[in-house]
Amino acid sequence: MAALTVDVADESAKEFNRLFANVDPDALVTTLLVDLLDRIRRLPSARQVIADNPGLPTVFVLDLLEARAEGRQSAMPFLPGIQPLVLAGDT
């Protein structure tokens, strides 16, 4: 197993430690990293988009690319004042 050392702002480290005080930090960060790598592997353009937009949160970029990859077939038209019908299997 390899070690990964990352520098983060003191405030971020304190907030992480506060929020996840009862969680194994290695296990949590490893799970998040594996999920991130999996999402980036499925979206070949993600690496370049993330590099080109360092000010945007990575998860936001991945969510946009995944939505775009789904295509328009899953999109619902916007009709002002009309609530979309959501079927039981669609949630």
C-alpha atoms as a PDB file:
ATOM      1  CA  MET A   1       0.000   0.000   0.000  1.00  0.00           C
ATOM      2  CA  ALA A   2       1.250   3.501  -0.832  1.00  0.00           C
ATOM      3  CA  ALA A   3       0.964   6.704   1.135  1.00  0.00           C
ATOM      4  CA  LEU A   4      -0.512   9.836  -0.386  1.00  0.00           C
ATOM      5  CA  THR A   5       0.438  13.120   1.267  1.00  0.00           C
ATOM      6  CA  VAL A   6      -1.693  16.161   0.559  1.00  0.00           C
ATOM      7  CA  ASP A   7      -1.345  19.712   1.836  1.00  0.00           C
ATOM      8  CA  VAL A   8      -4.634  21.380   2.772  1.00  0.00           C
ATOM      9  CA  ALA A   9      -5.501  24.629   4.466  1.00  0.00           C
ATOM     10  CA  ASP A  10      -5.515  24.440   8.265  1.00  0.00           C
ATOM     11  CA  GLU A  11      -9.195  25.433   8.324  1.00  0.00           C
ATOM     12  CA  SER A  12     -10.107  22.560   5.986  1.00  0.00           C
ATOM     13  CA  ALA A  13      -8.172  20.057   8.084  1.00  0.00           C
ATOM     14  CA  LYS A  14      -9.850  21.279  11.277  1.00  0.00           C
ATOM     15  CA  GLU A  15     -13.312  21.114   9.711  1.00  0.00           C
ATOM     16  CA  PHE A  16     -12.635  17.615   8.347  1.00  0.00           C
ATOM     17  CA  ASN A  17     -11.456  16.430  11.754  1.00  0.00           C
ATOM     18  CA  ARG A  18     -14.478  18.009  13.450  1.00  0.00           C
ATOM     19  CA  LEU A  19     -17.033  16.565  11.025  1.00  0.00           C
ATOM     20  CA  PHE A  20     -15.498  13.101  10.896  1.00  0.00           C
ATOM     21  CA  ALA A  21     -14.160  12.751  14.444  1.00  0.00           C
ATOM     22  CA  ASN A  22     -15.560   9.212  14.812  1.00  0.00           C
ATOM     23  CA  VAL A  23     -14.622   7.989  11.339  1.00  0.00           C
ATOM     24  CA  ASP A  24     -11.396   6.351  10.172  1.00  0.00           C
ATOM     25  CA  PRO A  25      -9.943   9.182   8.055  1.00  0.00           C
ATOM     26  CA  ASP A  26      -7.863   6.839   5.888  1.00  0.00           C
ATOM     27  CA  ALA A  27     -10.898   4.741   5.022  1.00  0.00           C
ATOM     28  CA  LEU A  28     -13.032   7.801   4.294  1.00  0.00           C
ATOM     29  CA  VAL A  29     -10.489   9.543   2.081  1.00  0.00           C
ATOM     30  CA  THR A  30      -9.717   6.283   0.276  1.00  0.00           C
ATOM     31  CA  THR A  31     -13.416   5.741  -0.467  1.00  0.00           C
ATOM     32  CA  LEU A  32     -13.770   9.294  -1.772  1.00  0.00           C
ATOM     33  CA  LEU A  33     -10.637   8.959  -3.905  1.00  0.00           C
ATOM     34  CA  VAL A  34     -11.742   5.635  -5.416  1.00  0.00           C
ATOM     35  CA  ASP A  35     -15.141   7.155  -6.286  1.00  0.00           C
ATOM     36  CA  LEU A  36     -13.494  10.216  -7.835  1.00  0.00           C
ATOM     37  CA  LEU A  37     -11.102   8.117  -9.929  1.00  0.00           C
ATOM     38  CA  ASP A  38     -13.948   5.874 -11.107  1.00  0.00           C
ATOM     39  CA  ARG A  39     -16.001   8.877 -12.226  1.00  0.00           C
ATOM     40  CA  ILE A  40     -13.035  10.413 -14.048  1.00  0.00           C
ATOM     41  CA  ARG A  41     -12.259   7.103 -15.821  1.00  0.00           C
ATOM     42  CA  ARG A  42     -15.839   6.977 -17.173  1.00  0.00           C
ATOM     43  CA  LEU A  43     -15.551  10.514 -18.560  1.00  0.00           C
ATOM     44  CA  PRO A  44     -12.420  10.771 -20.723  1.00  0.00           C
ATOM     45  CA  SER A  45     -12.742  14.558 -21.101  1.00  0.00           C
ATOM     46  CA  ALA A  46     -12.961  15.098 -17.320  1.00  0.00           C
ATOM     47  CA  ARG A  47      -9.223  15.366 -16.724  1.00  0.00           C
ATOM     48  CA  GLN A  48      -8.821  18.207 -19.203  1.00  0.00           C
ATOM     49  CA  VAL A  49     -11.983  20.029 -18.111  1.00  0.00           C
ATOM     50  CA  ILE A  50     -10.879  19.869 -14.465  1.00  0.00           C
ATOM     51  CA  ALA A  51      -7.392  21.117 -15.407  1.00  0.00           C
ATOM     52  CA  ASP A  52      -8.876  23.960 -17.501  1.00  0.00           C
ATOM     53  CA  ASN A  53     -11.238  25.057 -14.699  1.00  0.00           C
ATOM     54  CA  PRO A  54      -9.279  24.937 -11.432  1.00  0.00           C
ATOM     55  CA  GLY A  55     -11.718  27.334  -9.756  1.00  0.00           C
ATOM     56  CA  LEU A  56     -14.681  24.984 -10.150  1.00  0.00           C
ATOM     57  CA  PRO A  57     -15.338  22.182  -7.668  1.00  0.00           C
ATOM     58  CA  THR A  58     -14.347  18.852  -9.213  1.00  0.00           C
ATOM     59  CA  VAL A  59     -17.628  17.212  -8.208  1.00  0.00           C
ATOM     60  CA  PHE A  60     -19.556  20.002  -9.957  1.00  0.00           C
ATOM     61  CA  VAL A  61     -17.582  19.453 -13.178  1.00  0.00           C
ATOM     62  CA  LEU A  62     -18.141  15.685 -13.004  1.00  0.00           C
ATOM     63  CA  ASP A  63     -21.875  16.126 -12.345  1.00  0.00           C
ATOM     64  CA  LEU A  64     -22.173  18.376 -15.397  1.00  0.00           C
ATOM     65  CA  LEU A  65     -20.233  15.997 -17.637  1.00  0.00           C
ATOM     66  CA  GLU A  66     -22.295  13.013 -16.450  1.00  0.00           C
ATOM     67  CA  ALA A  67     -25.561  14.878 -17.075  1.00  0.00           C
ATOM     68  CA  ARG A  68     -24.343  15.842 -20.532  1.00  0.00           C
ATOM     69  CA  ALA A  69     -23.391  12.225 -21.281  1.00  0.00           C
ATOM     70  CA  GLU A  70     -26.894  11.033 -20.378  1.00  0.00           C
ATOM     71  CA  GLY A  71     -28.211  12.952 -23.348  1.00  0.00           C
ATOM     72  CA  ARG A  72     -31.497  14.660 -23.964  1.00  0.00           C
ATOM     73  CA  GLN A  73     -33.604  11.484 -23.857  1.00  0.00           C
ATOM     74  CA  SER A  74     -33.727  11.704 -20.065  1.00  0.00           C
ATOM     75  CA  ALA A  75     -34.434  15.448 -20.036  1.00  0.00           C
ATOM     76  CA  MET A  76     -37.872  16.769 -19.176  1.00  0.00           C
ATOM     77  CA  PRO A  77     -39.182  19.888 -20.917  1.00  0.00           C
ATOM     78  CA  PHE A  78     -39.597  22.981 -18.787  1.00  0.00           C
ATOM     79  CA  LEU A  79     -43.196  24.155 -18.732  1.00  0.00           C
ATOM     80  CA  PRO A  80     -43.766  27.106 -16.375  1.00  0.00           C
ATOM     81  CA  GLY A  81     -46.452  26.456 -13.787  1.00  0.00           C
ATOM     82  CA  ILE A  82     -46.717  22.741 -14.562  1.00  0.00           C
ATOM     83  CA  GLN A  83     -45.361  20.161 -12.141  1.00  0.00           C
ATOM     84  CA  PRO A  84     -43.628  17.204 -13.860  1.00  0.00           C
ATOM     85  CA  LEU A  85     -45.128  13.772 -13.355  1.00  0.00           C
ATOM     86  CA  VAL A  86     -42.619  11.501 -11.663  1.00  0.00           C
ATOM     87  CA  LEU A  87     -43.341   7.797 -11.951  1.00  0.00           C
ATOM     88  CA  ALA A  88     -42.554   5.398  -9.102  1.00  0.00           C
ATOM     89  CA  GLY A  89     -39.618   3.786 -10.947  1.00  0.00           C
ATOM     90  CA  ASP A  90     -38.063   7.145 -11.907  1.00  0.00           C
ATOM     91  CA  THR A  91     -36.940   8.222  -8.443  1.00  0.00           C
END
